[in-house]
PDB file of N, CA and C in Angstrom:
ATOM      1  N   MET A   1      82.887 113.067 110.888  1.00  0.00           N
ATOM      2  CA  MET A   1      83.269 111.714 111.234  1.00  0.00           C
ATOM      3  C   MET A   1      82.042 110.794 111.175  1.00  0.00           C
ATOM      4  N   LEU A   2      80.933 111.276 111.695  1.00  0.00           N
ATOM      5  CA  LEU A   2      79.719 110.465 111.696  1.00  0.00           C
ATOM      6  C   LEU A   2      79.222 110.242 110.270  1.00  0.00           C
ATOM      7  N   ARG A   3      79.359 111.256 109.409  1.00  0.00           N
ATOM      8  CA  ARG A   3      78.942 111.097 108.015  1.00  0.00           C
ATOM      9  C   ARG A   3      79.761 110.015 107.323  1.00  0.00           C
ATOM     10  N   ILE A   4      81.054 110.003 107.600  1.00  0.00           N
ATOM     11  CA  ILE A   4      81.915 108.987 106.996  1.00  0.00           C
ATOM     12  C   ILE A   4      81.483 107.599 107.440  1.00  0.00           C
ATOM     13  N   ALA A   5      81.156 107.462 108.713  1.00  0.00           N
ATOM     14  CA  ALA A   5      80.726 106.161 109.234  1.00  0.00           C
ATOM     15  C   ALA A   5      79.423 105.715 108.573  1.00  0.00           C
ATOM     16  N   VAL A   6      78.490 106.630 108.379  1.00  0.00           N
ATOM     17  CA  VAL A   6      77.204 106.280 107.772  1.00  0.00           C
ATOM     18  C   VAL A   6      77.391 105.879 106.310  1.00  0.00           C
ATOM     19  N   VAL A   7      78.223 106.627 105.580  1.00  0.00           N
ATOM     20  CA  VAL A   7      78.478 106.293 104.171  1.00  0.00           C
ATOM     21  C   VAL A   7      79.173 104.940 104.066  1.00  0.00           C
ATOM     22  N   ALA A   8      80.157 104.703 104.931  1.00  0.00           N
ATOM     23  CA  ALA A   8      80.867 103.418 104.907  1.00  0.00           C
ATOM     24  C   ALA A   8      79.915 102.271 105.221  1.00  0.00           C
ATOM     25  N   LEU A   9      79.021 102.471 106.169  1.00  0.00           N
ATOM     26  CA  LEU A   9      78.048 101.440 106.512  1.00  0.00           C
ATOM     27  C   LEU A   9      77.128 101.154 105.333  1.00  0.00           C
ATOM     28  N   ALA A  10      76.686 102.190 104.646  1.00  0.00           N
ATOM     29  CA  ALA A  10      75.813 102.000 103.487  1.00  0.00           C
ATOM     30  C   ALA A  10      76.532 101.263 102.365  1.00  0.00           C
ATOM     31  N   LEU A  11      77.799 101.596 102.133  1.00  0.00           N
ATOM     32  CA  LEU A  11      78.558 100.922 101.082  1.00  0.00           C
ATOM     33  C   LEU A  11      78.783  99.450 101.408  1.00  0.00           C
ATOM     34  N   LEU A  12      78.958  99.144 102.687  1.00  0.00           N
ATOM     35  CA  LEU A  12      79.168  97.751 103.067  1.00  0.00           C
ATOM     36  C   LEU A  12      77.867  96.950 103.012  1.00  0.00           C
ATOM     37  N   CYS A  13      76.790  97.540 103.454  1.00  0.00           N
ATOM     38  CA  CYS A  13      75.529  96.794 103.549  1.00  0.00           C
ATOM     39  C   CYS A  13      74.871  96.566 102.194  1.00  0.00           C
ATOM     40  N   GLY A  14      75.114  97.440 101.224  1.00  0.00           N
ATOM     41  CA  GLY A  14      74.504  97.270  99.906  1.00  0.00           C
ATOM     42  C   GLY A  14      74.856  95.937  99.268  1.00  0.00           C
ATOM     43  N   PRO A  15      76.141  95.671  99.020  1.00  0.00           N
ATOM     44  CA  PRO A  15      76.502  94.385  98.411  1.00  0.00           C
ATOM     45  C   PRO A  15      76.221  93.183  99.313  1.00  0.00           C
ATOM     46  N   ALA A  16      76.204  93.397 100.611  1.00  0.00           N
ATOM     47  CA  ALA A  16      76.008  92.279 101.532  1.00  0.00           C
ATOM     48  C   ALA A  16      74.599  91.700 101.434  1.00  0.00           C
ATOM     49  N   LEU A  17      73.660  92.464 100.896  1.00  0.00           N
ATOM     50  CA  LEU A  17      72.289  91.963 100.792  1.00  0.00           C
ATOM     51  C   LEU A  17      72.190  90.799  99.809  1.00  0.00           C
ATOM     52  N   ALA A  18      73.130  90.708  98.868  1.00  0.00           N
ATOM     53  CA  ALA A  18      73.104  89.623  97.888  1.00  0.00           C
ATOM     54  C   ALA A  18      73.797  88.364  98.395  1.00  0.00           C
ATOM     55  N   GLU A  19      74.441  88.443  99.546  1.00  0.00           N
ATOM     56  CA  GLU A  19      75.160  87.295 100.086  1.00  0.00           C
ATOM     57  C   GLU A  19      74.211  86.384 100.871  1.00  0.00           C
ATOM     58  N   PRO A  20      74.588  85.125 101.030  1.00  0.00           N
ATOM     59  CA  PRO A  20      73.798  84.225 101.884  1.00  0.00           C
ATOM     60  C   PRO A  20      73.762  84.750 103.327  1.00  0.00           C
ATOM     61  N   TYR A  21      72.759  84.315 104.063  1.00  0.00           N
ATOM     62  CA  TYR A  21      72.555  84.827 105.427  1.00  0.00           C
ATOM     63  C   TYR A  21      73.759  84.593 106.330  1.00  0.00           C
ATOM     64  N   ALA A  22      74.404  83.440 106.224  1.00  0.00           N
ATOM     65  CA  ALA A  22      75.547  83.140 107.093  1.00  0.00           C
ATOM     66  C   ALA A  22      76.675  84.136 106.866  1.00  0.00           C
ATOM     67  N   GLN A  23      76.911  84.522 105.624  1.00  0.00           N
ATOM     68  CA  GLN A  23      77.961  85.500 105.332  1.00  0.00           C
ATOM     69  C   GLN A  23      77.562  86.889 105.825  1.00  0.00           C
ATOM     70  N   GLN A  24      76.291  87.230 105.698  1.00  0.00           N
ATOM     71  CA  GLN A  24      75.824  88.515 106.213  1.00  0.00           C
ATOM     72  C   GLN A  24      76.034  88.568 107.722  1.00  0.00           C
ATOM     73  N   GLN A  25      75.711  87.494 108.404  1.00  0.00           N
ATOM     74  CA  GLN A  25      75.868  87.431 109.855  1.00  0.00           C
ATOM     75  C   GLN A  25      77.337  87.573 110.245  1.00  0.00           C
ATOM     76  N   ASP A  26      78.228  86.971 109.477  1.00  0.00           N
ATOM     77  CA  ASP A  26      79.658  87.079 109.746  1.00  0.00           C
ATOM     78  C   ASP A  26      80.119  88.529 109.632  1.00  0.00           C
ATOM     79  N   LYS A  27      79.648  89.233 108.622  1.00  0.00           N
ATOM     80  CA  LYS A  27      80.031  90.645 108.451  1.00  0.00           C
ATOM     81  C   LYS A  27      79.487  91.492 109.604  1.00  0.00           C
ATOM     82  N   ARG A  28      78.278  91.208 110.027  1.00  0.00           N
ATOM     83  CA  ARG A  28      77.707  91.943 111.173  1.00  0.00           C
ATOM     84  C   ARG A  28      78.533  91.716 112.439  1.00  0.00           C
ATOM     85  N   GLU A  29      78.974  90.490 112.622  1.00  0.00           N
ATOM     86  CA  GLU A  29      79.788  90.179 113.808  1.00  0.00           C
ATOM     87  C   GLU A  29      81.139  90.886 113.747  1.00  0.00           C
ATOM     88  N   HIS A  30      81.744  90.922 112.582  1.00  0.00           N
ATOM     89  CA  HIS A  30      83.003  91.655 112.432  1.00  0.00           C
ATOM     90  C   HIS A  30      82.796  93.139 112.737  1.00  0.00           C
ATOM     91  N   MET A  31      81.732  93.705 112.173  1.00  0.00           N
ATOM     92  CA  MET A  31      81.448  95.120 112.373  1.00  0.00           C
ATOM     93  C   MET A  31      81.161  95.418 113.839  1.00  0.00           C
ATOM     94  N   ALA A  32      80.341  94.621 114.462  1.00  0.00           N
ATOM     95  CA  ALA A  32      79.979  94.854 115.868  1.00  0.00           C
ATOM     96  C   ALA A  32      81.188  94.680 116.786  1.00  0.00           C
ATOM     97  N   GLY A  33      81.976  93.670 116.537  1.00  0.00           N
ATOM     98  CA  GLY A  33      83.157  93.441 117.376  1.00  0.00           C
ATOM     99  C   GLY A  33      84.163  94.571 117.267  1.00  0.00           C
ATOM    100  N   SER A  34      84.415  95.025 116.050  1.00  0.00           N
ATOM    101  CA  SER A  34      85.359  96.132 115.860  1.00  0.00           C
ATOM    102  C   SER A  34      84.821  97.427 116.454  1.00  0.00           C
ATOM    103  N   ALA A  35      83.518  97.661 116.307  1.00  0.00           N
ATOM    104  CA  ALA A  35      82.928  98.870 116.876  1.00  0.00           C
ATOM    105  C   ALA A  35      83.031  98.853 118.403  1.00  0.00           C
ATOM    106  N   ALA A  36      82.714  97.719 118.994  1.00  0.00           N
ATOM    107  CA  ALA A  36      82.765  97.617 120.460  1.00  0.00           C
ATOM    108  C   ALA A  36      84.192  97.772 120.972  1.00  0.00           C
ATOM    109  N   LEU A  37      85.141  97.130 120.301  1.00  0.00           N
ATOM    110  CA  LEU A  37      86.534  97.220 120.728  1.00  0.00           C
ATOM    111  C   LEU A  37      87.064  98.640 120.588  1.00  0.00           C
ATOM    112  N   THR A  38      86.767  99.290 119.473  1.00  0.00           N
ATOM    113  CA  THR A  38      87.224 100.665 119.252  1.00  0.00           C
ATOM    114  C   THR A  38      86.601 101.610 120.264  1.00  0.00           C
ATOM    115  N   PHE A  39      85.307 101.465 120.486  1.00  0.00           N
ATOM    116  CA  PHE A  39      84.599 102.333 121.434  1.00  0.00           C
ATOM    117  C   PHE A  39      85.158 102.149 122.842  1.00  0.00           C
ATOM    118  N   ALA A  40      85.291 100.902 123.282  1.00  0.00           N
ATOM    119  CA  ALA A  40      85.779 100.631 124.640  1.00  0.00           C
ATOM    120  C   ALA A  40      87.226 101.092 124.816  1.00  0.00           C
ATOM    121  N   ALA A  41      88.063 100.815 123.830  1.00  0.00           N
ATOM    122  CA  ALA A  41      89.468 101.224 123.933  1.00  0.00           C
ATOM    123  C   ALA A  41      89.589 102.745 123.971  1.00  0.00           C
ATOM    124  N   SER A  42      88.781 103.428 123.197  1.00  0.00           N
ATOM    125  CA  SER A  42      88.825 104.893 123.190  1.00  0.00           C
ATOM    126  C   SER A  42      88.416 105.458 124.547  1.00  0.00           C
ATOM    127  N   LEU A  43      87.416 104.857 125.164  1.00  0.00           N
ATOM    128  CA  LEU A  43      86.974 105.345 126.472  1.00  0.00           C
ATOM    129  C   LEU A  43      87.992 105.022 127.560  1.00  0.00           C
ATOM    130  N   VAL A  44      88.630 103.872 127.455  1.00  0.00           N
ATOM    131  CA  VAL A  44      89.665 103.510 128.439  1.00  0.00           C
ATOM    132  C   VAL A  44      90.861 104.451 128.319  1.00  0.00           C
ATOM    133  N   LEU A  45      91.182 104.842 127.096  1.00  0.00           N
ATOM    134  CA  LEU A  45      92.343 105.693 126.844  1.00  0.00           C
ATOM    135  C   LEU A  45      91.994 107.180 126.837  1.00  0.00           C
ATOM    136  N   TRP A  46      90.940 107.571 127.531  1.00  0.00           N
ATOM    137  CA  TRP A  46      90.439 108.939 127.443  1.00  0.00           C
ATOM    138  C   TRP A  46      91.419 109.990 127.932  1.00  0.00           C
ATOM    139  N   GLN A  47      92.391 109.632 128.744  1.00  0.00           N
ATOM    140  CA  GLN A  47      93.332 110.628 129.252  1.00  0.00           C
ATOM    141  C   GLN A  47      94.539 110.832 128.345  1.00  0.00           C
ATOM    142  N   THR A  48      94.645 110.091 127.262  1.00  0.00           N
ATOM    143  CA  THR A  48      95.757 110.266 126.336  1.00  0.00           C
ATOM    144  C   THR A  48      95.472 111.454 125.416  1.00  0.00           C
ATOM    145  N   ASP A  49      96.462 111.807 124.619  1.00  0.00           N
ATOM    146  CA  ASP A  49      96.300 112.952 123.716  1.00  0.00           C
ATOM    147  C   ASP A  49      95.263 112.704 122.623  1.00  0.00           C
ATOM    148  N   HIS A  50      95.201 111.499 122.096  1.00  0.00           N
ATOM    149  CA  HIS A  50      94.304 111.172 120.985  1.00  0.00           C
ATOM    150  C   HIS A  50      93.605 109.841 121.250  1.00  0.00           C
ATOM    151  N   PRO A  51      92.667 109.801 122.180  1.00  0.00           N
ATOM    152  CA  PRO A  51      92.068 108.514 122.553  1.00  0.00           C
ATOM    153  C   PRO A  51      91.312 107.829 121.427  1.00  0.00           C
ATOM    154  N   VAL A  52      90.618 108.596 120.590  1.00  0.00           N
ATOM    155  CA  VAL A  52      89.837 107.981 119.515  1.00  0.00           C
ATOM    156  C   VAL A  52      90.760 107.395 118.455  1.00  0.00           C
ATOM    157  N   LEU A  53      91.830 108.086 118.163  1.00  0.00           N
ATOM    158  CA  LEU A  53      92.798 107.567 117.193  1.00  0.00           C
ATOM    159  C   LEU A  53      93.438 106.283 117.696  1.00  0.00           C
ATOM    160  N   TYR A  54      93.836 106.268 118.947  1.00  0.00           N
ATOM    161  CA  TYR A  54      94.458 105.064 119.511  1.00  0.00           C
ATOM    162  C   TYR A  54      93.455 103.911 119.577  1.00  0.00           C
ATOM    163  N   GLY A  55      92.218 104.218 119.921  1.00  0.00           N
ATOM    164  CA  GLY A  55      91.184 103.180 119.942  1.00  0.00           C
ATOM    165  C   GLY A  55      90.921 102.622 118.560  1.00  0.00           C
ATOM    166  N   ALA A  56      90.921 103.503 117.558  1.00  0.00           N
ATOM    167  CA  ALA A  56      90.707 103.050 116.178  1.00  0.00           C
ATOM    168  C   ALA A  56      91.861 102.183 115.705  1.00  0.00           C
ATOM    169  N   MET A  57      93.082 102.574 116.064  1.00  0.00           N
ATOM    170  CA  MET A  57      94.247 101.767 115.686  1.00  0.00           C
ATOM    171  C   MET A  57      94.176 100.386 116.328  1.00  0.00           C
ATOM    172  N   LEU A  58      93.736 100.338 117.576  1.00  0.00           N
ATOM    173  CA  LEU A  58      93.610  99.049 118.259  1.00  0.00           C
ATOM    174  C   LEU A  58      92.527  98.189 117.606  1.00  0.00           C
ATOM    175  N   GLY A  59      91.379  98.791 117.305  1.00  0.00           N
ATOM    176  CA  GLY A  59      90.295  98.044 116.669  1.00  0.00           C
ATOM    177  C   GLY A  59      90.672  97.524 115.300  1.00  0.00           C
ATOM    178  N   LEU A  60      91.318  98.361 114.493  1.00  0.00           N
ATOM    179  CA  LEU A  60      91.718  97.930 113.160  1.00  0.00           C
ATOM    180  C   LEU A  60      92.852  96.913 113.222  1.00  0.00           C
ATOM    181  N   GLY A  61      93.757  97.100 114.158  1.00  0.00           N
ATOM    182  CA  GLY A  61      94.842  96.138 114.327  1.00  0.00           C
ATOM    183  C   GLY A  61      94.327  94.762 114.707  1.00  0.00           C
ATOM    184  N   ALA A  62      93.329  94.726 115.563  1.00  0.00           N
ATOM    185  CA  ALA A  62      92.745  93.441 115.956  1.00  0.00           C
ATOM    186  C   ALA A  62      92.062  92.767 114.766  1.00  0.00           C
ATOM    187  N   GLY A  63      91.332  93.543 113.965  1.00  0.00           N
ATOM    188  CA  GLY A  63      90.675  92.977 112.787  1.00  0.00           C
ATOM    189  C   GLY A  63      91.666  92.463 111.763  1.00  0.00           C
ATOM    190  N   LEU A  64      92.721  93.232 111.525  1.00  0.00           N
ATOM    191  CA  LEU A  64      93.748  92.808 110.578  1.00  0.00           C
ATOM    192  C   LEU A  64      94.491  91.577 111.098  1.00  0.00           C
ATOM    193  N   GLY A  65      94.786  91.577 112.382  1.00  0.00           N
ATOM    194  CA  GLY A  65      95.455  90.415 112.976  1.00  0.00           C
ATOM    195  C   GLY A  65      94.626  89.156 112.856  1.00  0.00           C
ATOM    196  N   LYS A  66      93.322  89.278 113.069  1.00  0.00           N
ATOM    197  CA  LYS A  66      92.441  88.117 112.950  1.00  0.00           C
ATOM    198  C   LYS A  66      92.431  87.588 111.518  1.00  0.00           C
ATOM    199  N   GLU A  67      92.384  88.492 110.553  1.00  0.00           N
ATOM    200  CA  GLU A  67      92.382  88.058 109.155  1.00  0.00           C
ATOM    201  C   GLU A  67      93.713  87.411 108.771  1.00  0.00           C
ATOM    202  N   LEU A  68      94.810  87.923 109.287  1.00  0.00           N
ATOM    203  CA  LEU A  68      96.109  87.302 109.001  1.00  0.00           C
ATOM    204  C   LEU A  68      96.204  85.912 109.628  1.00  0.00           C
ATOM    205  N   LEU A  69      95.620  85.748 110.817  1.00  0.00           N
ATOM    206  CA  LEU A  69      95.585  84.418 111.436  1.00  0.00           C
ATOM    207  C   LEU A  69      94.672  83.470 110.664  1.00  0.00           C
ATOM    208  N   ASP A  70      93.555  84.012 110.149  1.00  0.00           N
ATOM    209  CA  ASP A  70      92.654  83.192 109.340  1.00  0.00           C
ATOM    210  C   ASP A  70      93.360  82.660 108.101  1.00  0.00           C
ATOM    211  N   ARG A  71      94.249  83.452 107.541  1.00  0.00           N
ATOM    212  CA  ARG A  71      94.958  83.049 106.331  1.00  0.00           C
ATOM    213  C   ARG A  71      95.825  81.817 106.580  1.00  0.00           C
ATOM    214  N   ARG A  72      96.329  81.709 107.793  1.00  0.00           N
ATOM    215  CA  ARG A  72      97.213  80.585 108.118  1.00  0.00           C
ATOM    216  C   ARG A  72      96.445  79.338 108.550  1.00  0.00           C
ATOM    217  N   ALA A  73      95.189  79.487 108.916  1.00  0.00           N
ATOM    218  CA  ALA A  73      94.399  78.341 109.391  1.00  0.00           C
ATOM    219  C   ALA A  73      93.993  77.456 108.207  1.00  0.00           C
ATOM    220  N   PRO A  74      94.068  76.142 108.391  1.00  0.00           N
ATOM    221  CA  PRO A  74      93.659  75.247 107.299  1.00  0.00           C
ATOM    222  C   PRO A  74      92.168  75.393 106.991  1.00  0.00           C
ATOM    223  N   GLY A  75      91.858  75.462 105.721  1.00  0.00           N
ATOM    224  CA  GLY A  75      90.462  75.571 105.304  1.00  0.00           C
ATOM    225  C   GLY A  75      89.894  76.966 105.449  1.00  0.00           C
ATOM    226  N   ASN A  76      90.714  77.945 105.746  1.00  0.00           N
ATOM    227  CA  ASN A  76      90.253  79.318 105.904  1.00  0.00           C
ATOM    228  C   ASN A  76      91.077  80.217 104.997  1.00  0.00           C
ATOM    229  N   HIS A  77      90.673  81.463 104.849  1.00  0.00           N
ATOM    230  CA  HIS A  77      91.393  82.375 103.971  1.00  0.00           C
ATOM    231  C   HIS A  77      91.254  83.814 104.468  1.00  0.00           C
ATOM    232  N   PHE A  78      92.121  84.662 103.972  1.00  0.00           N
ATOM    233  CA  PHE A  78      92.048  86.097 104.255  1.00  0.00           C
ATOM    234  C   PHE A  78      90.846  86.652 103.509  1.00  0.00           C
ATOM    235  N   SER A  79      90.018  87.415 104.196  1.00  0.00           N
ATOM    236  CA  SER A  79      88.816  87.953 103.569  1.00  0.00           C
ATOM    237  C   SER A  79      88.854  89.480 103.597  1.00  0.00           C
ATOM    238  N   ALA A  80      88.921  90.065 102.410  1.00  0.00           N
ATOM    239  CA  ALA A  80      88.894  91.526 102.308  1.00  0.00           C
ATOM    240  C   ALA A  80      87.524  92.060 102.730  1.00  0.00           C
ATOM    241  N   ALA A  81      86.475  91.294 102.494  1.00  0.00           N
ATOM    242  CA  ALA A  81      85.135  91.725 102.905  1.00  0.00           C
ATOM    243  C   ALA A  81      85.025  91.790 104.430  1.00  0.00           C
ATOM    244  N   ASP A  82      85.633  90.824 105.112  1.00  0.00           N
ATOM    245  CA  ASP A  82      85.635  90.868 106.572  1.00  0.00           C
ATOM    246  C   ASP A  82      86.429  92.069 107.077  1.00  0.00           C
ATOM    247  N   LEU A  83      87.536  92.358 106.422  1.00  0.00           N
ATOM    248  CA  LEU A  83      88.343  93.511 106.803  1.00  0.00           C
ATOM    249  C   LEU A  83      87.587  94.814 106.539  1.00  0.00           C
ATOM    250  N   ALA A  84      86.817  94.856 105.464  1.00  0.00           N
ATOM    251  CA  ALA A  84      85.987  96.034 105.195  1.00  0.00           C
ATOM    252  C   ALA A  84      84.933  96.204 106.288  1.00  0.00           C
ATOM    253  N   ALA A  85      84.346  95.102 106.732  1.00  0.00           N
ATOM    254  CA  ALA A  85      83.371  95.162 107.827  1.00  0.00           C
ATOM    255  C   ALA A  85      84.045  95.640 109.106  1.00  0.00           C
ATOM    256  N   ASP A  86      85.281  95.213 109.334  1.00  0.00           N
ATOM    257  CA  ASP A  86      86.040  95.700 110.489  1.00  0.00           C
ATOM    258  C   ASP A  86      86.252  97.208 110.394  1.00  0.00           C
ATOM    259  N   CYS A  87      86.570  97.694 109.208  1.00  0.00           N
ATOM    260  CA  CYS A  87      86.791  99.136 109.019  1.00  0.00           C
ATOM    261  C   CYS A  87      85.518  99.943 109.299  1.00  0.00           C
ATOM    262  N   VAL A  88      84.392  99.426 108.856  1.00  0.00           N
ATOM    263  CA  VAL A  88      83.130 100.107 109.128  1.00  0.00           C
ATOM    264  C   VAL A  88      82.862 100.118 110.638  1.00  0.00           C
ATOM    265  N   GLY A  89      83.116  98.995 111.292  1.00  0.00           N
ATOM    266  CA  GLY A  89      82.935  98.937 112.737  1.00  0.00           C
ATOM    267  C   GLY A  89      83.854  99.899 113.464  1.00  0.00           C
ATOM    268  N   VAL A  90      85.096 100.011 113.013  1.00  0.00           N
ATOM    269  CA  VAL A  90      86.040 100.955 113.621  1.00  0.00           C
ATOM    270  C   VAL A  90      85.528 102.383 113.450  1.00  0.00           C
ATOM    271  N   ALA A  91      85.026 102.705 112.261  1.00  0.00           N
ATOM    272  CA  ALA A  91      84.495 104.052 112.030  1.00  0.00           C
ATOM    273  C   ALA A  91      83.304 104.348 112.935  1.00  0.00           C
ATOM    274  N   LEU A  92      82.408 103.378 113.080  1.00  0.00           N
ATOM    275  CA  LEU A  92      81.242 103.582 113.951  1.00  0.00           C
ATOM    276  C   LEU A  92      81.648 103.698 115.420  1.00  0.00           C
ATOM    277  N   GLY A  93      82.564 102.836 115.856  1.00  0.00           N
ATOM    278  CA  GLY A  93      83.039 102.899 117.235  1.00  0.00           C
ATOM    279  C   GLY A  93      83.760 104.201 117.532  1.00  0.00           C
ATOM    280  N   ALA A  94      84.569 104.662 116.584  1.00  0.00           N
ATOM    281  CA  ALA A  94      85.298 105.916 116.758  1.00  0.00           C
ATOM    282  C   ALA A  94      84.337 107.099 116.794  1.00  0.00           C
ATOM    283  N   ALA A  95      83.323 107.071 115.933  1.00  0.00           N
ATOM    284  CA  ALA A  95      82.338 108.155 115.935  1.00  0.00           C
ATOM    285  C   ALA A  95      81.582 108.199 117.267  1.00  0.00           C
ATOM    286  N   GLY A  96      81.176 107.042 117.750  1.00  0.00           N
ATOM    287  CA  GLY A  96      80.477 106.993 119.041  1.00  0.00           C
ATOM    288  C   GLY A  96      81.349 107.451 120.187  1.00  0.00           C
ATOM    289  N   ALA A  97      82.604 107.013 120.202  1.00  0.00           N
ATOM    290  CA  ALA A  97      83.521 107.425 121.264  1.00  0.00           C
ATOM    291  C   ALA A  97      83.799 108.910 121.199  1.00  0.00           C
ATOM    292  N   ASN A  98      83.915 109.439 119.991  1.00  0.00           N
ATOM    293  CA  ASN A  98      84.142 110.876 119.838  1.00  0.00           C
ATOM    294  C   ASN A  98      82.981 111.681 120.406  1.00  0.00           C
ATOM    295  N   ILE A  99      81.776 111.224 120.154  1.00  0.00           N
ATOM    296  CA  ILE A  99      80.595 111.915 120.691  1.00  0.00           C
ATOM    297  C   ILE A  99      80.596 111.866 122.216  1.00  0.00           C
ATOM    298  N   VAL A 100      80.835 110.689 122.767  1.00  0.00           N
ATOM    299  CA  VAL A 100      80.832 110.539 124.228  1.00  0.00           C
ATOM    300  C   VAL A 100      81.945 111.358 124.864  1.00  0.00           C
ATOM    301  N   LEU A 101      83.133 111.290 124.315  1.00  0.00           N
ATOM    302  CA  LEU A 101      84.260 112.006 124.905  1.00  0.00           C
ATOM    303  C   LEU A 101      84.114 113.514 124.758  1.00  0.00           C
ATOM    304  N   THR A 102      83.535 113.975 123.670  1.00  0.00           N
ATOM    305  CA  THR A 102      83.307 115.408 123.494  1.00  0.00           C
ATOM    306  C   THR A 102      82.291 115.913 124.506  1.00  0.00           C
ATOM    307  N   ARG A 103      81.220 115.194 124.699  1.00  0.00           N
ATOM    308  CA  ARG A 103      80.206 115.612 125.681  1.00  0.00           C
ATOM    309  C   ARG A 103      80.751 115.526 127.099  1.00  0.00           C
ATOM    310  N   ARG A 104      81.588 114.535 127.353  1.00  0.00           N
ATOM    311  CA  ARG A 104      82.162 114.376 128.687  1.00  0.00           C
ATOM    312  C   ARG A 104      83.073 115.550 129.036  1.00  0.00           C
ATOM    313  N   SER A 105      83.889 115.986 128.067  1.00  0.00           N
ATOM    314  CA  SER A 105      84.793 117.100 128.350  1.00  0.00           C
ATOM    315  C   SER A 105      84.026 118.396 128.533  1.00  0.00           C
ATOM    316  N   ILE A 106      82.921 118.557 127.817  1.00  0.00           N
ATOM    317  CA  ILE A 106      82.111 119.763 127.990  1.00  0.00           C
ATOM    318  C   ILE A 106      81.465 119.760 129.370  1.00  0.00           C
ATOM    319  N   SER A 107      80.916 118.616 129.784  1.00  0.00           N
ATOM    320  CA  SER A 107      80.256 118.573 131.089  1.00  0.00           C
ATOM    321  C   SER A 107      81.268 118.713 132.226  1.00  0.00           C
ATOM    322  N   LEU A 108      82.479 118.170 132.064  1.00  0.00           N
ATOM    323  CA  LEU A 108      83.487 118.329 133.102  1.00  0.00           C
ATOM    324  C   LEU A 108      83.952 119.769 133.203  1.00  0.00           C
ATOM    325  N   ARG A 109      83.956 120.470 132.091  1.00  0.00           N
ATOM    326  CA  ARG A 109      84.415 121.851 132.093  1.00  0.00           C
ATOM    327  C   ARG A 109      83.493 122.725 132.950  1.00  0.00           C
ATOM    328  N   TYR A 110      82.202 122.451 132.934  1.00  0.00           N
ATOM    329  CA  TYR A 110      81.256 123.296 133.659  1.00  0.00           C
ATOM    330  C   TYR A 110      81.056 122.891 135.118  1.00  0.00           C
ATOM    331  N   GLU A 111      81.615 121.753 135.526  1.00  0.00           N
ATOM    332  CA  GLU A 111      81.451 121.337 136.918  1.00  0.00           C
ATOM    333  C   GLU A 111      82.342 122.116 137.864  1.00  0.00           C
ATOM    334  N   PHE A 112      83.441 122.670 137.381  1.00  0.00           N
ATOM    335  CA  PHE A 112      84.391 123.329 138.269  1.00  0.00           C
ATOM    336  C   PHE A 112      84.030 124.735 138.566  1.00  0.00           C
TER     337      PHE A 112
END
């Protein structure tokens, strides 16, 4: 999972280097927001059967919803690049949550 996140991040950041700074900053914000939302949602949902999956669905749903709303706003448009940045953020957030939740379950197992 972590390898996928690293590869996705590299694929996103490569072409972004040719973009103007404002667009690069926008992609970073999309990535960071999706990562934070996915990570937090996964930790909140830790008692469910698949917390990381549910957190990832929530993070990606929020990113897709934002892009669909952008499409309807005057002077704005749907951006596949922003959605790609959201996907990278979801992958990073899910990888981080998976690491935290895996270590948490191991440490809880030995406390009893």
